[in-house]
Amino acid sequence: MISPAGRHCLRWSIFCRVVDNFGDIGVCWRLARVLAMHHERHVTLWLDDLETLHRLCPALSPQDDAQQLEGVLVRRWVPPFSDVGKDDVVIEAFACELPQQALEEMAARRPPPVWINLEYLSAEQWIEGCHRLPSPHPSLPLIRHFFFPGFTDGSGGLLREPCLIERRTAFQAAPASRNDWLRTRLGRTPRADALVISLFAYEQPLIGELLRRWAEGERAIEVLVPEGRVLPDIARHFGRNELPVGACVQDGALTLNVIPFSTQDDYDRLLWACDLNFVRGEDSFVRAQWAARSFVWHIYRQPEDAHLMKLEAFLDLFLADAERSVAEAVAGFWRAWNGMGDAAAAWPAFAAVLPAFAAVCRTWSQAQATRQDLATALLEFSETGV
């Protein structure tokens, strides 16, 4: 492969197969938008599930095989792939395996495009040794490089668009902005002393015990639940077959509201507006960190409990500088939320340290914002090879 050094890589393709509902496409759609809108690259997003992207971006037509949206050409993952031969950079997201025709078009290009396998985010130490490693194709004159997002200088960083931190800071510094946003979602403003929580999670069969504890507590709790996979478990707790968008359930100190699934930009504002955010997967997990609010991560389950090692690796890094009592309460609740304990029993200790945990989250967010973001790291690697 000819070295990419000195290239000016303008044409990019991102290939994505939807596996984890909104996690895979959430990352790829956000990356495509950043490259197109903020770095002025010509980006094509090849996608096998347009219906899922339509949920994130209602302006998209699931019936069209090719359409331009927010600076990105969105194409259905179907032949022909001849245009891939014109690309300077091809990103294979999360080992989705490129079509053979696309590989052949890439191999025929001179010089061939920079081929990057964008891996899943992890805090595990071993990723630094694998980040940017080359892997020659067994039969074609192509070299794939592994690129790992992460939380340390030895990784590819986190996805963050320019001015995100400034926009978040301005929103959170203006109580009127927060109240106005909440009012548009709820038709009212929550009590000033209420703990406002967003709840986005995978299935949680035992969530009823936590909801009961919230309802029986002394502090008012306002929960906003976007449409998603946890709703049937919540509905079951309240003795209902379903909870549609707009439903509001009052139970003691707990007020639970079902809100529509939102665009990525509006989801950011939800995270900015809440005191505590329950998030899942990868994309919302990263956005919760940029929100600089207390959060709880529901990690995507993997065979043989491999996800638990990833969870512990992040907790070790994330809570390394936290006071011991705070770290123990946070880790205890996070583990319970991920199936290693009783979340309802772990809640009081976690709730008691929320003010201190909020400070930990702000410090963490500030530290991550000093590192190079993922899109910039990809641009530099594609054009310099380092």
Protein backbone atom coordinates (compact mmCIF):
# COMPACT_ATOMS: atom_id res chain seq x y z
CA MET A 1 0.00 0.00 0.00
CA ILE A 2 1.25 3.50 -0.81
CA SER A 3 1.74 5.59 2.31
CA PRO A 4 -1.12 8.05 2.93
CA ALA A 5 1.36 10.75 3.98
CA GLY A 6 0.70 14.02 2.21
CA ARG A 7 -2.79 13.12 0.98
CA HIS A 8 -5.70 15.50 1.14
CA CYS A 9 -8.52 13.01 1.69
CA LEU A 10 -11.78 14.58 0.57
CA ARG A 11 -13.97 11.58 -0.34
CA TRP A 12 -15.02 9.23 2.45
CA SER A 13 -17.30 6.19 2.65
CA ILE A 14 -18.60 4.78 5.93
CA PHE A 15 -20.12 1.28 5.90
CA CYS A 16 -22.46 0.39 8.76
CA ARG A 17 -24.64 -2.60 9.61
CA VAL A 18 -27.22 -2.01 12.32
CA VAL A 19 -26.66 -4.52 15.13
CA ASP A 20 -27.40 -2.84 18.46
CA ASN A 21 -30.54 -0.87 17.58
CA PHE A 22 -29.29 2.72 17.63
CA GLY A 23 -25.72 2.27 18.89
CA ASP A 24 -23.96 1.41 15.63
CA ILE A 25 -25.89 3.79 13.41
CA GLY A 26 -25.86 6.47 16.12
CA VAL A 27 -22.06 6.56 16.08
CA CYS A 28 -21.79 6.34 12.27
CA TRP A 29 -24.43 8.99 11.59
CA ARG A 30 -22.82 11.37 14.07
CA LEU A 31 -19.36 10.75 12.59
CA ALA A 32 -20.64 11.25 9.04
CA ARG A 33 -22.29 14.55 10.01
CA VAL A 34 -19.17 15.83 11.74
CA LEU A 35 -16.93 14.98 8.78
CA ALA A 36 -19.33 16.54 6.28
CA MET A 37 -20.56 19.60 8.14
CA HIS A 38 -17.51 20.58 10.18
CA HIS A 39 -14.61 19.24 8.10
CA GLU A 40 -16.10 19.70 4.61
CA ARG A 41 -15.56 16.13 3.46
CA HIS A 42 -17.69 14.39 0.83
CA VAL A 43 -19.18 11.56 2.89
CA THR A 44 -21.25 8.58 1.78
CA LEU A 45 -22.91 6.50 4.49
CA TRP A 46 -23.70 2.95 3.31
CA LEU A 47 -26.40 1.49 5.55
CA ASP A 48 -28.33 -1.79 5.66
CA ASP A 49 -31.24 -0.46 7.77
CA LEU A 50 -32.68 2.90 6.77
CA GLU A 51 -35.70 2.50 9.05
CA THR A 52 -33.50 2.76 12.13
CA LEU A 53 -31.78 5.90 10.86
CA HIS A 54 -35.21 7.34 10.09
CA ARG A 55 -35.96 7.20 13.83
CA LEU A 56 -32.89 9.33 14.52
CA CYS A 57 -33.47 11.56 11.50
CA PRO A 58 -37.15 11.83 10.52
CA ALA A 59 -36.30 13.78 7.34
CA LEU A 60 -34.77 10.61 5.88
CA SER A 61 -36.93 8.53 3.53
CA PRO A 62 -36.56 4.79 4.26
CA GLN A 63 -37.78 4.01 0.74
CA ASP A 64 -35.04 5.87 -1.17
CA ASP A 65 -31.83 4.05 -2.03
CA ALA A 66 -29.82 7.29 -2.21
CA GLN A 67 -30.48 10.70 -0.68
CA GLN A 68 -28.56 13.76 0.50
CA LEU A 69 -29.15 14.73 4.10
CA GLU A 70 -27.29 17.18 6.35
CA GLY A 71 -24.32 17.14 4.00
CA VAL A 72 -24.15 13.32 3.89
CA LEU A 73 -25.07 11.05 0.96
CA VAL A 74 -27.00 8.19 2.55
CA ARG A 75 -27.08 5.04 0.41
CA ARG A 76 -28.71 1.70 0.97
CA TRP A 77 -26.22 -1.18 1.31
CA VAL A 78 -26.95 -2.70 -2.11
CA PRO A 79 -24.86 -3.02 -5.31
CA PRO A 80 -23.36 -1.42 -7.25
CA PHE A 81 -20.44 -0.27 -5.11
CA SER A 82 -18.41 1.15 -8.00
CA ASP A 83 -18.25 4.63 -6.46
CA VAL A 84 -16.17 3.24 -3.58
CA GLY A 85 -13.25 3.08 -6.02
CA LYS A 86 -13.23 6.90 -6.07
CA ASP A 87 -12.92 7.26 -2.29
CA ASP A 88 -9.83 8.43 -0.44
CA VAL A 89 -10.91 6.82 2.84
CA VAL A 90 -13.19 3.84 3.52
CA ILE A 91 -14.36 3.18 7.08
CA GLU A 92 -15.58 -0.30 7.95
CA ALA A 93 -17.55 0.36 11.13
CA PHE A 94 -17.39 -2.26 13.86
CA ALA A 95 -16.05 -5.08 11.64
CA CYS A 96 -19.14 -5.05 9.43
CA GLU A 97 -17.23 -6.73 6.53
CA LEU A 98 -17.10 -4.77 3.29
CA PRO A 99 -18.80 -6.16 0.17
CA GLN A 100 -16.42 -8.01 -2.15
CA GLN A 101 -17.17 -5.62 -5.01
CA ALA A 102 -16.23 -2.66 -2.81
CA LEU A 103 -12.92 -4.34 -1.91
CA GLU A 104 -12.15 -4.97 -5.58
CA GLU A 105 -12.94 -1.37 -6.49
CA MET A 106 -10.65 -0.19 -3.68
CA ALA A 107 -7.83 -2.49 -4.84
CA ALA A 108 -8.08 -1.12 -8.39
CA ARG A 109 -7.63 2.46 -7.25
CA ARG A 110 -4.14 4.02 -7.39
CA PRO A 111 -3.21 4.74 -4.73
CA PRO A 112 -5.77 2.58 -2.89
CA PRO A 113 -7.94 4.31 -0.30
CA VAL A 114 -7.03 4.39 3.36
CA TRP A 115 -9.02 1.49 4.84
CA ILE A 116 -9.96 1.82 8.51
CA ASN A 117 -11.81 -0.64 10.72
CA LEU A 118 -13.45 1.60 13.33
CA GLU A 119 -13.71 -0.52 16.47
CA TYR A 120 -16.07 -0.34 19.42
CA LEU A 121 -15.24 2.03 22.26
CA SER A 122 -13.40 0.49 25.21
CA ALA A 123 -11.40 1.54 28.26
CA GLU A 124 -9.43 -1.71 28.31
CA GLN A 125 -5.67 -1.15 28.37
CA TRP A 126 -4.91 -3.55 25.53
CA ILE A 127 -6.53 -1.32 22.91
CA GLU A 128 -3.58 1.09 22.98
CA GLY A 129 -1.33 -1.66 21.68
CA CYS A 130 -3.72 -2.44 18.82
CA HIS A 131 -4.73 1.11 17.90
CA ARG A 132 -3.71 1.91 14.28
CA LEU A 133 -2.19 -1.54 13.72
CA PRO A 134 -2.11 -2.64 10.05
CA SER A 135 -3.65 -5.87 8.75
CA PRO A 136 -2.91 -6.79 5.09
CA HIS A 137 -5.74 -8.30 3.07
CA PRO A 138 -4.97 -11.98 2.32
CA SER A 139 -5.35 -11.66 -1.45
CA LEU A 140 -5.79 -8.01 -2.47
CA PRO A 141 -3.22 -5.17 -2.33
CA LEU A 142 -5.02 -3.50 0.56
CA ILE A 143 -4.11 -2.84 4.17
CA ARG A 144 -6.74 -2.36 6.84
CA HIS A 145 -5.88 -0.37 9.96
CA PHE A 146 -7.65 -0.87 13.28
CA PHE A 147 -8.76 2.35 14.93
CA PHE A 148 -9.94 2.34 18.55
CA PRO A 149 -11.95 5.15 20.13
CA GLY A 150 -11.02 5.56 23.77
CA PHE A 151 -10.42 7.69 26.82
CA THR A 152 -6.63 7.99 26.82
CA ASP A 153 -4.01 9.71 24.70
CA GLY A 154 -3.00 6.33 23.28
CA SER A 155 -6.43 5.83 21.69
CA GLY A 156 -8.44 7.56 18.97
CA GLY A 157 -10.43 9.70 21.42
CA LEU A 158 -14.16 10.30 21.62
CA LEU A 159 -16.53 11.63 19.01
CA ARG A 160 -17.14 15.32 19.67
CA GLU A 161 -18.18 18.01 17.24
CA PRO A 162 -16.67 21.52 17.44
CA CYS A 163 -18.41 23.90 19.85
CA LEU A 164 -20.30 21.09 21.61
CA ILE A 165 -18.90 21.97 25.02
CA GLU A 166 -19.65 25.66 24.51
CA ARG A 167 -23.27 24.93 23.51
CA ARG A 168 -23.77 22.63 26.49
CA THR A 169 -22.27 25.16 28.89
CA ALA A 170 -24.50 27.94 27.59
CA PHE A 171 -27.61 25.76 27.92
CA GLN A 172 -26.82 24.64 31.45
CA ALA A 173 -25.88 28.15 32.57
CA ALA A 174 -29.37 29.43 31.71
CA PRO A 175 -32.07 27.91 33.96
CA ALA A 176 -34.73 29.39 31.69
CA SER A 177 -33.42 27.32 28.77
CA ARG A 178 -33.67 24.14 30.82
CA ASN A 179 -37.16 24.95 32.09
CA ASP A 180 -38.40 25.92 28.65
CA TRP A 181 -37.07 22.70 27.16
CA LEU A 182 -38.65 20.55 29.87
CA ARG A 183 -41.93 22.42 29.53
CA THR A 184 -42.11 21.62 25.83
CA ARG A 185 -41.71 17.90 26.65
CA LEU A 186 -43.90 17.65 29.74
CA GLY A 187 -46.36 20.50 29.39
CA ARG A 188 -45.13 21.80 32.74
CA THR A 189 -41.95 22.48 34.68
CA PRO A 190 -40.86 19.89 37.28
CA ARG A 191 -40.72 20.94 40.91
CA ALA A 192 -37.59 22.93 41.67
CA ASP A 193 -36.47 20.38 44.30
CA ALA A 194 -37.17 17.31 42.14
CA LEU A 195 -34.42 14.96 40.96
CA VAL A 196 -34.91 14.93 37.18
CA ILE A 197 -33.83 11.66 35.56
CA SER A 198 -33.66 10.48 31.94
CA LEU A 199 -34.01 6.71 31.59
CA PHE A 200 -32.76 5.07 28.38
CA ALA A 201 -31.95 1.41 28.88
CA TYR A 202 -32.11 -2.10 27.55
CA GLU A 203 -34.57 -4.54 29.10
CA GLN A 204 -34.64 -4.43 32.92
CA PRO A 205 -37.02 -7.13 34.24
CA LEU A 206 -36.38 -6.12 37.86
CA ILE A 207 -36.79 -2.36 37.40
CA GLY A 208 -40.05 -2.46 39.34
CA GLU A 209 -38.20 -2.67 42.65
CA LEU A 210 -36.21 0.47 41.85
CA LEU A 211 -39.35 2.32 40.73
CA ARG A 212 -41.04 1.30 43.98
CA ARG A 213 -38.13 2.66 46.01
CA TRP A 214 -38.27 5.94 44.10
CA ALA A 215 -42.01 6.16 44.72
CA GLU A 216 -41.58 5.56 48.46
CA GLY A 217 -38.69 8.00 48.88
CA GLU A 218 -38.83 11.45 50.43
CA ARG A 219 -37.50 13.38 47.44
CA ALA A 220 -39.67 14.05 44.40
CA ILE A 221 -38.32 12.24 41.32
CA GLU A 222 -39.31 13.18 37.78
CA VAL A 223 -38.37 10.50 35.23
CA LEU A 224 -38.36 11.02 31.45
CA VAL A 225 -38.35 7.77 29.50
CA PRO A 226 -37.80 7.94 25.72
CA GLU A 227 -39.50 5.25 23.64
CA GLY A 228 -37.36 2.15 23.87
CA ARG A 229 -36.77 -1.38 25.04
CA VAL A 230 -37.18 -0.77 28.76
CA LEU A 231 -40.77 0.48 28.46
CA PRO A 232 -42.50 -2.93 28.58
CA ASP A 233 -40.80 -3.70 31.89
CA ILE A 234 -41.91 -0.33 33.29
CA ALA A 235 -45.47 -0.83 32.03
CA ARG A 236 -45.60 -4.27 33.64
CA HIS A 237 -44.66 -2.75 37.00
CA PHE A 238 -47.62 -0.37 36.78
CA GLY A 239 -49.98 -3.16 35.71
CA ARG A 240 -50.37 -1.91 32.16
CA ASN A 241 -50.00 -3.57 28.79
CA GLU A 242 -48.14 -0.57 27.41
CA LEU A 243 -47.17 3.01 28.11
CA PRO A 244 -47.60 5.15 24.99
CA VAL A 245 -45.82 8.39 24.25
CA GLY A 246 -47.37 11.13 26.36
CA ALA A 247 -48.26 8.80 29.24
CA CYS A 248 -47.67 10.24 32.70
CA VAL A 249 -47.84 8.00 35.77
CA GLN A 250 -47.88 9.39 39.31
CA ASP A 251 -46.89 7.05 42.15
CA GLY A 252 -45.99 8.62 45.47
CA ALA A 253 -42.86 10.72 45.05
CA LEU A 254 -42.36 9.38 41.51
CA THR A 255 -43.68 10.99 38.34
CA LEU A 256 -42.85 9.02 35.21
CA ASN A 257 -43.25 10.50 31.73
CA VAL A 258 -42.95 8.72 28.38
CA ILE A 259 -41.47 11.03 25.74
CA PRO A 260 -40.92 10.54 22.00
CA PHE A 261 -37.72 9.12 20.60
CA SER A 262 -35.71 12.17 19.53
CA THR A 263 -33.10 13.34 17.09
CA GLN A 264 -29.49 13.25 18.25
CA ASP A 265 -29.39 17.01 18.84
CA ASP A 266 -32.55 16.95 20.93
CA TYR A 267 -31.31 13.96 22.90
CA ASP A 268 -28.27 16.03 23.85
CA ARG A 269 -30.58 18.65 25.31
CA LEU A 270 -32.40 15.96 27.29
CA LEU A 271 -29.08 14.90 28.84
CA TRP A 272 -28.12 18.50 29.53
CA ALA A 273 -31.47 19.17 31.22
CA CYS A 274 -31.50 16.20 33.60
CA ASP A 275 -29.70 15.73 36.92
CA LEU A 276 -29.06 12.02 36.33
CA ASN A 277 -28.96 10.18 33.01
CA PHE A 278 -29.36 6.43 32.52
CA VAL A 279 -27.80 5.60 29.15
CA ARG A 280 -27.02 2.49 27.17
CA GLY A 281 -24.70 1.13 24.48
CA GLU A 282 -22.06 3.45 23.05
CA ASP A 283 -23.47 6.62 21.49
CA SER A 284 -25.65 7.76 24.40
CA PHE A 285 -22.88 6.66 26.79
CA VAL A 286 -20.45 9.13 25.18
CA ARG A 287 -23.05 11.90 24.99
CA ALA A 288 -23.76 11.49 28.70
CA GLN A 289 -20.10 12.16 29.39
CA TRP A 290 -20.20 15.35 27.33
CA ALA A 291 -23.32 16.39 29.25
CA ALA A 292 -21.18 16.61 32.41
CA ARG A 293 -24.05 15.28 34.52
CA SER A 294 -24.22 12.22 36.75
CA PHE A 295 -24.97 9.13 34.69
CA VAL A 296 -25.40 5.35 34.81
CA TRP A 297 -24.28 3.11 31.96
CA HIS A 298 -26.23 0.03 30.84
CA ILE A 299 -23.61 -1.77 28.76
CA TYR A 300 -24.56 -3.95 25.79
CA ARG A 301 -24.48 -7.61 26.81
CA GLN A 302 -21.94 -9.86 25.10
CA PRO A 303 -21.48 -13.66 25.06
CA GLU A 304 -19.66 -15.17 28.05
CA ASP A 305 -20.13 -11.87 29.97
CA ALA A 306 -17.29 -10.21 28.06
CA HIS A 307 -19.10 -6.89 28.55
CA LEU A 308 -18.48 -7.04 32.30
CA MET A 309 -14.73 -6.74 31.75
CA LYS A 310 -15.36 -3.63 29.67
CA LEU A 311 -17.57 -2.22 32.41
CA GLU A 312 -14.93 -2.79 35.09
CA ALA A 313 -12.19 -1.31 32.88
CA PHE A 314 -14.20 1.88 32.48
CA LEU A 315 -15.08 2.09 36.18
CA ASP A 316 -11.40 1.73 37.11
CA LEU A 317 -10.41 4.59 34.82
CA PHE A 318 -13.43 6.79 35.42
CA LEU A 319 -13.37 6.59 39.23
CA ALA A 320 -9.59 6.50 39.70
CA ASP A 321 -9.50 9.94 41.38
CA ALA A 322 -12.87 9.81 43.15
CA GLU A 323 -13.15 9.57 46.92
CA ARG A 324 -13.37 5.96 48.02
CA SER A 325 -16.91 6.24 49.40
CA VAL A 326 -18.12 7.85 46.18
CA ALA A 327 -16.35 5.30 43.98
CA GLU A 328 -17.77 2.38 45.96
CA ALA A 329 -21.35 3.70 45.84
CA VAL A 330 -21.19 4.51 42.13
CA ALA A 331 -19.56 1.22 41.16
CA GLY A 332 -21.99 -0.70 43.34
CA PHE A 333 -25.04 0.80 41.67
CA TRP A 334 -23.60 0.51 38.15
CA ARG A 335 -22.84 -3.18 38.71
CA ALA A 336 -26.32 -3.79 40.09
CA TRP A 337 -27.91 -1.98 37.13
CA ASN A 338 -25.95 -4.33 34.86
CA GLY A 339 -27.24 -7.45 36.56
CA MET A 340 -24.62 -7.95 39.27
CA GLY A 341 -26.72 -7.10 42.29
CA ASP A 342 -29.93 -5.44 43.46
CA ALA A 343 -30.29 -1.94 41.99
CA ALA A 344 -33.06 -0.99 44.43
CA ALA A 345 -30.89 -1.97 47.40
CA ALA A 346 -27.90 -0.10 45.96
CA TRP A 347 -29.88 3.07 45.26
CA PRO A 348 -29.75 4.79 48.73
CA ALA A 349 -25.94 4.73 48.86
CA PHE A 350 -25.75 5.94 45.26
CA ALA A 351 -28.32 8.70 45.83
CA ALA A 352 -26.39 9.90 48.88
CA VAL A 353 -23.24 10.57 46.84
CA LEU A 354 -24.94 12.14 43.80
CA PRO A 355 -23.68 15.68 44.56
CA ALA A 356 -20.09 14.44 44.85
CA PHE A 357 -20.55 12.20 41.81
CA ALA A 358 -21.76 15.17 39.77
CA ALA A 359 -18.43 16.87 40.47
CA VAL A 360 -16.56 13.73 39.35
CA CYS A 361 -18.53 13.75 36.08
CA ARG A 362 -17.78 17.43 35.43
CA THR A 363 -14.07 16.91 36.01
CA TRP A 364 -14.04 13.83 33.78
CA SER A 365 -15.85 15.66 30.99
CA GLN A 366 -13.43 18.57 31.17
CA ALA A 367 -10.43 16.23 31.02
CA GLN A 368 -11.79 14.31 28.02
CA ALA A 369 -12.47 17.58 26.19
CA THR A 370 -8.75 18.43 26.31
CA ARG A 371 -7.98 15.35 24.18
CA GLN A 372 -8.17 15.14 20.41
CA ASP A 373 -11.62 14.14 19.20
CA LEU A 374 -12.22 11.01 17.13
CA ALA A 375 -13.07 12.72 13.82
CA THR A 376 -9.92 14.85 13.93
CA ALA A 377 -7.82 11.79 14.82
CA LEU A 378 -9.27 9.91 11.82
CA LEU A 379 -8.56 12.87 9.54
CA GLU A 380 -4.96 13.14 10.70
CA PHE A 381 -4.34 9.42 10.37
CA SER A 382 -5.86 9.25 6.89
CA GLU A 383 -3.71 12.10 5.64
CA THR A 384 -0.44 11.52 7.50
CA GLY A 385 -0.45 7.85 8.46
CA VAL A 386 0.17 8.67 12.16
